[in-house]
C-alpha atoms as a PDB file:
ATOM      1  CA  MET A   1     112.166 114.320 156.045  1.00  0.00           C
ATOM      2  CA  CYS A   2     114.963 114.837 153.555  1.00  0.00           C
ATOM      3  CA  ARG A   3     113.810 111.856 151.488  1.00  0.00           C
ATOM      4  CA  VAL A   4     110.235 113.135 151.394  1.00  0.00           C
ATOM      5  CA  ASN A   5     111.327 116.579 150.191  1.00  0.00           C
ATOM      6  CA  SER A   6     113.427 115.142 147.322  1.00  0.00           C
ATOM      7  CA  LEU A   7     110.544 112.958 146.159  1.00  0.00           C
ATOM      8  CA  THR A   8     108.211 115.948 146.297  1.00  0.00           C
ATOM      9  CA  ARG A   9     110.536 117.917 144.016  1.00  0.00           C
ATOM     10  CA  VAL A  10     111.061 115.077 141.513  1.00  0.00           C
ATOM     11  CA  SER A  11     107.504 113.817 141.177  1.00  0.00           C
ATOM     12  CA  PRO A  12     105.974 116.943 139.544  1.00  0.00           C
ATOM     13  CA  LEU A  13     108.826 117.036 137.005  1.00  0.00           C
ATOM     14  CA  ILE A  14     108.290 113.391 136.073  1.00  0.00           C
ATOM     15  CA  LEU A  15     104.539 113.927 135.799  1.00  0.00           C
ATOM     16  CA  PHE A  16     105.133 116.983 133.603  1.00  0.00           C
ATOM     17  CA  TYR A  17     107.295 115.049 131.124  1.00  0.00           C
ATOM     18  CA  LEU A  18     104.850 112.147 131.138  1.00  0.00           C
ATOM     19  CA  LEU A  19     102.043 114.577 130.330  1.00  0.00           C
ATOM     20  CA  ILE A  20     104.045 116.037 127.428  1.00  0.00           C
ATOM     21  CA  ILE A  21     104.708 112.558 126.009  1.00  0.00           C
ATOM     22  CA  ILE A  22     101.029 111.585 126.280  1.00  0.00           C
ATOM     23  CA  ILE A  23      99.935 114.786 124.545  1.00  0.00           C
ATOM     24  CA  LEU A  24     102.466 114.280 121.740  1.00  0.00           C
ATOM     25  CA  VAL A  25     101.415 110.670 121.215  1.00  0.00           C
ATOM     26  CA  CYS A  26      97.743 111.637 121.084  1.00  0.00           C
ATOM     27  CA  GLN A  27      98.562 114.450 118.688  1.00  0.00           C
ATOM     28  CA  THR A  28     100.519 112.076 116.471  1.00  0.00           C
ATOM     29  CA  ILE A  29      97.730 109.508 116.396  1.00  0.00           C
ATOM     30  CA  GLY A  30      94.857 111.904 115.893  1.00  0.00           C
ATOM     31  CA  SER A  31      96.333 114.431 113.493  1.00  0.00           C
ATOM     32  CA  VAL A  32      96.583 112.162 110.440  1.00  0.00           C
ATOM     33  CA  GLY A  33      93.923 109.818 109.106  1.00  0.00           C
ATOM     34  CA  ALA A  34      95.881 106.594 108.653  1.00  0.00           C
ATOM     35  CA  VAL A  35      95.148 102.924 108.098  1.00  0.00           C
ATOM     36  CA  GLU A  36      97.950 100.528 109.002  1.00  0.00           C
ATOM     37  CA  LEU A  37      97.346  96.802 108.745  1.00  0.00           C
ATOM     38  CA  THR A  38      98.770  93.426 107.767  1.00  0.00           C
ATOM     39  CA  PHE A  39      96.569  91.012 105.819  1.00  0.00           C
ATOM     40  CA  GLU A  40      96.776  87.663 104.044  1.00  0.00           C
ATOM     41  CA  LEU A  41      96.419  87.545 100.268  1.00  0.00           C
ATOM     42  CA  PRO A  42      95.610  84.017  99.020  1.00  0.00           C
ATOM     43  CA  ASP A  43      96.866  82.652  95.723  1.00  0.00           C
ATOM     44  CA  ASN A  44      94.853  83.648  92.626  1.00  0.00           C
ATOM     45  CA  ALA A  45      93.168  86.340  94.728  1.00  0.00           C
ATOM     46  CA  LYS A  46      92.700  90.114  94.634  1.00  0.00           C
ATOM     47  CA  GLN A  47      91.867  92.363  97.568  1.00  0.00           C
ATOM     48  CA  CYS A  48      90.916  96.057  97.451  1.00  0.00           C
ATOM     49  CA  PHE A  49      90.671  98.847 100.052  1.00  0.00           C
ATOM     50  CA  HIS A  50      88.643 102.031  99.672  1.00  0.00           C
ATOM     51  CA  GLU A  51      89.242 105.446 101.248  1.00  0.00           C
ATOM     52  CA  GLU A  52      87.300 108.715 101.032  1.00  0.00           C
ATOM     53  CA  ILE A  53      89.758 111.550 100.301  1.00  0.00           C
ATOM     54  CA  PRO A  54      88.823 115.233  99.912  1.00  0.00           C
ATOM     55  CA  GLU A  55      90.192 117.266  97.028  1.00  0.00           C
ATOM     56  CA  GLY A  56      93.650 118.736  97.543  1.00  0.00           C
ATOM     57  CA  THR A  57      94.602 116.286 100.313  1.00  0.00           C
ATOM     58  CA  LEU A  58      98.123 114.901 100.294  1.00  0.00           C
ATOM     59  CA  SER A  59      98.092 111.119 100.750  1.00  0.00           C
ATOM     60  CA  THR A  60     100.648 108.332 100.870  1.00  0.00           C
ATOM     61  CA  VAL A  61     100.290 104.583 100.467  1.00  0.00           C
ATOM     62  CA  GLU A  62     103.148 102.259 101.394  1.00  0.00           C
ATOM     63  CA  PHE A  63     103.242  98.479 101.181  1.00  0.00           C
ATOM     64  CA  GLN A  64     105.629  95.579 101.684  1.00  0.00           C
ATOM     65  CA  VAL A  65     105.290  91.835 101.174  1.00  0.00           C
ATOM     66  CA  VAL A  66     106.230  90.214 104.467  1.00  0.00           C
ATOM     67  CA  THR A  67     106.102  86.516 103.537  1.00  0.00           C
ATOM     68  CA  GLY A  68     105.141  84.223 100.697  1.00  0.00           C
ATOM     69  CA  GLY A  69     106.553  83.088  97.360  1.00  0.00           C
ATOM     70  CA  ASN A  70     109.097  85.486  95.898  1.00  0.00           C
ATOM     71  CA  TYR A  71     107.877  88.301  98.167  1.00  0.00           C
ATOM     72  CA  ASP A  72     106.143  90.094  95.278  1.00  0.00           C
ATOM     73  CA  VAL A  73     102.649  91.391  94.571  1.00  0.00           C
ATOM     74  CA  ASP A  74     100.806  93.585  92.056  1.00  0.00           C
ATOM     75  CA  MET A  75      99.418  96.879  93.382  1.00  0.00           C
ATOM     76  CA  SER A  76      97.256  99.522  91.692  1.00  0.00           C
ATOM     77  CA  LEU A  77      95.781 102.830  92.824  1.00  0.00           C
ATOM     78  CA  GLU A  78      92.586 104.038  91.163  1.00  0.00           C
ATOM     79  CA  ALA A  79      90.993 107.512  91.350  1.00  0.00           C
ATOM     80  CA  PRO A  80      87.221 108.095  91.590  1.00  0.00           C
ATOM     81  CA  ASN A  81      87.088 108.715  87.812  1.00  0.00           C
ATOM     82  CA  ARG A  82      88.640 105.254  87.151  1.00  0.00           C
ATOM     83  CA  GLN A  83      92.014 106.789  86.309  1.00  0.00           C
ATOM     84  CA  ILE A  84      94.979 104.600  87.285  1.00  0.00           C
ATOM     85  CA  LEU A  85      97.324 106.739  89.376  1.00  0.00           C
ATOM     86  CA  TYR A  86      99.828 103.997  90.149  1.00  0.00           C
ATOM     87  CA  LYS A  87     100.419 100.456  88.966  1.00  0.00           C
ATOM     88  CA  GLY A  88     103.231  98.226  90.224  1.00  0.00           C
ATOM     89  CA  ILE A  89     103.908  94.761  88.815  1.00  0.00           C
ATOM     90  CA  LYS A  90     105.470  92.109  91.070  1.00  0.00           C
ATOM     91  CA  LYS A  91     106.765  94.620  93.597  1.00  0.00           C
ATOM     92  CA  GLN A  92     108.308  93.544  96.888  1.00  0.00           C
ATOM     93  CA  PHE A  93     107.787  96.973  98.468  1.00  0.00           C
ATOM     94  CA  ASP A  94     107.078 100.523  97.349  1.00  0.00           C
ATOM     95  CA  SER A  95     105.422 103.793  98.360  1.00  0.00           C
ATOM     96  CA  PHE A  96     103.445 106.369  96.394  1.00  0.00           C
ATOM     97  CA  THR A  97     102.502 109.930  97.361  1.00  0.00           C
ATOM     98  CA  TRP A  98      99.944 112.036  95.521  1.00  0.00           C
ATOM     99  CA  THR A  99      97.589 114.984  95.956  1.00  0.00           C
ATOM    100  CA  ALA A 100      93.912 114.223  95.349  1.00  0.00           C
ATOM    101  CA  ALA A 101      92.725 116.061  92.228  1.00  0.00           C
ATOM    102  CA  GLN A 102      89.081 115.453  93.143  1.00  0.00           C
ATOM    103  CA  SER A 103      87.015 114.364  96.102  1.00  0.00           C
ATOM    104  CA  GLY A 104      85.769 110.808  96.159  1.00  0.00           C
ATOM    105  CA  THR A 105      86.629 107.214  96.889  1.00  0.00           C
ATOM    106  CA  TYR A 106      90.159 106.120  96.031  1.00  0.00           C
ATOM    107  CA  THR A 107      90.775 102.389  95.657  1.00  0.00           C
ATOM    108  CA  VAL A 108      93.976 100.473  96.390  1.00  0.00           C
ATOM    109  CA  CYS A 109      94.052  96.900  95.079  1.00  0.00           C
ATOM    110  CA  PHE A 110      96.579  94.143  95.748  1.00  0.00           C
ATOM    111  CA  SER A 111      96.642  91.207  93.350  1.00  0.00           C
ATOM    112  CA  ASN A 112      98.207  87.773  93.721  1.00  0.00           C
ATOM    113  CA  GLU A 113      96.494  86.353  90.649  1.00  0.00           C
ATOM    114  CA  PHE A 114      99.801  85.459  88.985  1.00  0.00           C
ATOM    115  CA  SER A 115     100.606  83.008  91.800  1.00  0.00           C
ATOM    116  CA  THR A 116      99.045  79.554  91.624  1.00  0.00           C
ATOM    117  CA  PHE A 117     100.052  78.020  94.954  1.00  0.00           C
ATOM    118  CA  SER A 118     101.673  80.542  97.357  1.00  0.00           C
ATOM    119  CA  HIS A 119      99.709  83.022  99.447  1.00  0.00           C
ATOM    120  CA  LYS A 120     101.244  86.284 100.652  1.00  0.00           C
ATOM    121  CA  LEU A 121     101.282  88.287 103.859  1.00  0.00           C
ATOM    122  CA  VAL A 122     101.173  91.992 102.955  1.00  0.00           C
ATOM    123  CA  TYR A 123     101.719  95.080 105.109  1.00  0.00           C
ATOM    124  CA  MET A 124      99.996  98.322 104.079  1.00  0.00           C
ATOM    125  CA  ASP A 125     100.143 101.863 105.485  1.00  0.00           C
ATOM    126  CA  PHE A 126      97.591 104.316 104.036  1.00  0.00           C
ATOM    127  CA  GLN A 127      98.032 107.898 105.295  1.00  0.00           C
ATOM    128  CA  VAL A 128      95.574 110.642 104.386  1.00  0.00           C
ATOM    129  CA  GLY A 129      96.419 114.279 105.097  1.00  0.00           C
ATOM    130  CA  GLU A 130      99.477 116.059 106.401  1.00  0.00           C
ATOM    131  CA  GLU A 131     100.429 116.060 110.034  1.00  0.00           C
ATOM    132  CA  LYS A 132      99.200 119.112 111.883  1.00  0.00           C
ATOM    133  CA  PRO A 133     101.686 121.213 113.882  1.00  0.00           C
ATOM    134  CA  LEU A 134     101.773 120.882 117.630  1.00  0.00           C
ATOM    135  CA  PRO A 135      99.229 123.066 119.432  1.00  0.00           C
ATOM    136  CA  GLY A 136     100.692 126.385 120.532  1.00  0.00           C
ATOM    137  CA  VAL A 137     103.871 125.972 118.483  1.00  0.00           C
ATOM    138  CA  GLY A 138     104.466 128.449 115.685  1.00  0.00           C
ATOM    139  CA  GLU A 139     101.359 130.484 116.475  1.00  0.00           C
ATOM    140  CA  HIS A 140     103.330 133.569 117.543  1.00  0.00           C
ATOM    141  CA  LEU A 141     105.698 135.774 115.564  1.00  0.00           C
ATOM    142  CA  SER A 142     108.624 135.489 117.960  1.00  0.00           C
ATOM    143  CA  ALA A 143     111.112 132.624 117.982  1.00  0.00           C
ATOM    144  CA  MET A 144     110.170 129.376 119.678  1.00  0.00           C
ATOM    145  CA  THR A 145     111.007 129.036 123.319  1.00  0.00           C
ATOM    146  CA  LYS A 146     113.278 126.315 124.626  1.00  0.00           C
ATOM    147  CA  MET A 147     110.274 124.321 125.825  1.00  0.00           C
ATOM    148  CA  GLU A 148     108.611 124.514 122.389  1.00  0.00           C
ATOM    149  CA  SER A 149     111.808 123.438 120.656  1.00  0.00           C
ATOM    150  CA  SER A 150     112.117 120.498 123.040  1.00  0.00           C
ATOM    151  CA  SER A 151     108.483 119.543 122.398  1.00  0.00           C
ATOM    152  CA  VAL A 152     109.003 119.583 118.624  1.00  0.00           C
ATOM    153  CA  GLN A 153     112.158 117.507 118.954  1.00  0.00           C
ATOM    154  CA  VAL A 154     110.425 114.945 121.184  1.00  0.00           C
ATOM    155  CA  HIS A 155     107.539 114.810 118.711  1.00  0.00           C
ATOM    156  CA  GLU A 156     109.864 114.153 115.765  1.00  0.00           C
ATOM    157  CA  ASN A 157     111.781 111.527 117.732  1.00  0.00           C
ATOM    158  CA  LEU A 158     108.520 109.744 118.572  1.00  0.00           C
ATOM    159  CA  ASN A 159     107.588 109.631 114.875  1.00  0.00           C
ATOM    160  CA  THR A 160     111.017 108.225 114.056  1.00  0.00           C
ATOM    161  CA  ILE A 161     110.659 105.595 116.786  1.00  0.00           C
ATOM    162  CA  ILE A 162     107.259 104.543 115.402  1.00  0.00           C
ATOM    163  CA  ASP A 163     108.726 104.129 111.897  1.00  0.00           C
ATOM    164  CA  TYR A 164     111.684 102.130 113.208  1.00  0.00           C
ATOM    165  CA  GLN A 165     109.395  99.884 115.263  1.00  0.00           C
ATOM    166  CA  THR A 166     107.212  99.189 112.233  1.00  0.00           C
ATOM    167  CA  HIS A 167     110.128  98.263 109.979  1.00  0.00           C
ATOM    168  CA  HIS A 168     111.746  96.132 112.696  1.00  0.00           C
ATOM    169  CA  ARG A 169     108.464  94.269 113.218  1.00  0.00           C
ATOM    170  CA  LEU A 170     108.284  93.561 109.486  1.00  0.00           C
ATOM    171  CA  ARG A 171     111.886  92.325 109.373  1.00  0.00           C
ATOM    172  CA  GLU A 172     111.257  90.191 112.464  1.00  0.00           C
ATOM    173  CA  ALA A 173     108.180  88.663 110.797  1.00  0.00           C
ATOM    174  CA  GLN A 174     110.173  87.924 107.644  1.00  0.00           C
ATOM    175  CA  GLY A 175     112.978  86.319 109.644  1.00  0.00           C
ATOM    176  CA  ARG A 176     110.552  84.250 111.725  1.00  0.00           C
ATOM    177  CA  LYS A 177     108.722  82.982 108.620  1.00  0.00           C
ATOM    178  CA  PHE A 178     112.018  82.135 106.894  1.00  0.00           C
ATOM    179  CA  ALA A 179     113.214  80.259 110.003  1.00  0.00           C
ATOM    180  CA  GLU A 180     109.941  78.313 110.234  1.00  0.00           C
ATOM    181  CA  ASP A 181     110.101  77.332 106.549  1.00  0.00           C
ATOM    182  CA  LEU A 182     113.751  76.310 106.901  1.00  0.00           C
ATOM    183  CA  ASN A 183     112.927  74.264 109.995  1.00  0.00           C
ATOM    184  CA  SER A 184     110.149  72.456 108.119  1.00  0.00           C
ATOM    185  CA  LYS A 185     112.447  71.689 105.171  1.00  0.00           C
ATOM    186  CA  VAL A 186     115.182  70.371 107.479  1.00  0.00           C
ATOM    187  CA  LEU A 187     112.624  68.224 109.318  1.00  0.00           C
ATOM    188  CA  TYR A 188     111.251  66.692 106.108  1.00  0.00           C
ATOM    189  CA  TRP A 189     114.767  66.111 104.771  1.00  0.00           C
ATOM    190  CA  SER A 190     115.792  64.412 108.028  1.00  0.00           C
ATOM    191  CA  VAL A 191     112.722  62.150 107.959  1.00  0.00           C
ATOM    192  CA  GLY A 192     113.473  61.245 104.324  1.00  0.00           C
ATOM    193  CA  GLU A 193     117.104  60.447 105.129  1.00  0.00           C
ATOM    194  CA  THR A 194     116.033  58.319 108.090  1.00  0.00           C
ATOM    195  CA  LEU A 195     113.608  56.301 105.956  1.00  0.00           C
ATOM    196  CA  ALA A 196     116.241  55.892 103.238  1.00  0.00           C
ATOM    197  CA  ILE A 197     118.802  54.610 105.773  1.00  0.00           C
ATOM    198  CA  LEU A 198     116.262  52.152 107.181  1.00  0.00           C
ATOM    199  CA  VAL A 199     115.342  50.854 103.725  1.00  0.00           C
ATOM    200  CA  ILE A 200     119.001  50.515 102.687  1.00  0.00           C
ATOM    201  CA  GLY A 201     119.884  48.788 105.975  1.00  0.00           C
ATOM    202  CA  ILE A 202     117.022  46.293 105.715  1.00  0.00           C
ATOM    203  CA  GLY A 203     117.910  45.642 102.067  1.00  0.00           C
ATOM    204  CA  GLN A 204     121.563  44.954 102.919  1.00  0.00           C
ATOM    205  CA  ILE A 205     120.546  42.549 105.685  1.00  0.00           C
ATOM    206  CA  VAL A 206     118.282  40.620 103.328  1.00  0.00           C
ATOM    207  CA  ILE A 207     120.952  40.432 100.623  1.00  0.00           C
ATOM    208  CA  LEU A 208     123.679  39.295 103.049  1.00  0.00           C
ATOM    209  CA  LYS A 209     121.332  36.734 104.548  1.00  0.00           C
ATOM    210  CA  ASN A 210     120.722  35.269 101.113  1.00  0.00           C
ATOM    211  CA  PHE A 211     124.486  35.027 100.524  1.00  0.00           C
ATOM    212  CA  PHE A 212     125.067  32.876 103.623  1.00  0.00           C
ATOM    213  CA  THR A 213     121.968  30.748 103.403  1.00  0.00           C
ATOM    214  CA  GLU A 214     122.591  27.256 102.017  1.00  0.00           C
ATOM    215  CA  LYS A 215     120.143  26.167  99.400  1.00  0.00           C
ATOM    216  CA  LYS A 216     118.832  22.659  99.917  1.00  0.00           C
ATOM    217  CA  THR A 217     119.001  20.447  96.867  1.00  0.00           C
ATOM    218  CA  VAL A 218     116.258  17.955  96.330  1.00  0.00           C
ATOM    219  CA  SER A 219     117.463  14.637  94.944  1.00  0.00           C
ATOM    220  CA  LYS A 220     115.176  12.581  92.786  1.00  0.00           C
ATOM    221  CA  SER A 221     115.343   8.834  93.273  1.00  0.00           C
END
């Protein structure tokens, strides 16, 4: 009976915290219009993304070259009136934040046209709009309660965790690609050394065999 009573007291508390975490995650995902993706950019290629943004909306675009070549790419941001808001040449990573001066389609283009043989793997995060406050927090004139303060802190910690996970995934992808390339180079070098040793060994055997082989002289009568 004692074990049943302790479980009955703990279970609602665990369910309550789980419910808070689920609500905060849903709020984080649904409050900001964001596009987060990783795509391949072939050599001598250009790829563009389009986003409808209302006037006065704060937006941020962030990118990073994960693998390929010298880890650089050209990026440009174009407004609906063809005005270039941002242009980066051979950037490894960068971010740009702006407020839309007019409603319309904004275009982000990534170019690898300067590269003739290496394709790139590029990560992009396109966020449109500011994050809305948590529901029920800050809607009253009095100070926040302890529960509201805890909710805000959990919410901020979740956002920080998401950012850390994203950057760690990118670093892990870079490290994995570097290790795979290094493994391929070591393999090819080992195969080349093996072939060279075999050729040198066979050549030495042939030369030594010629040294110890008696040449037969043909006498003419």
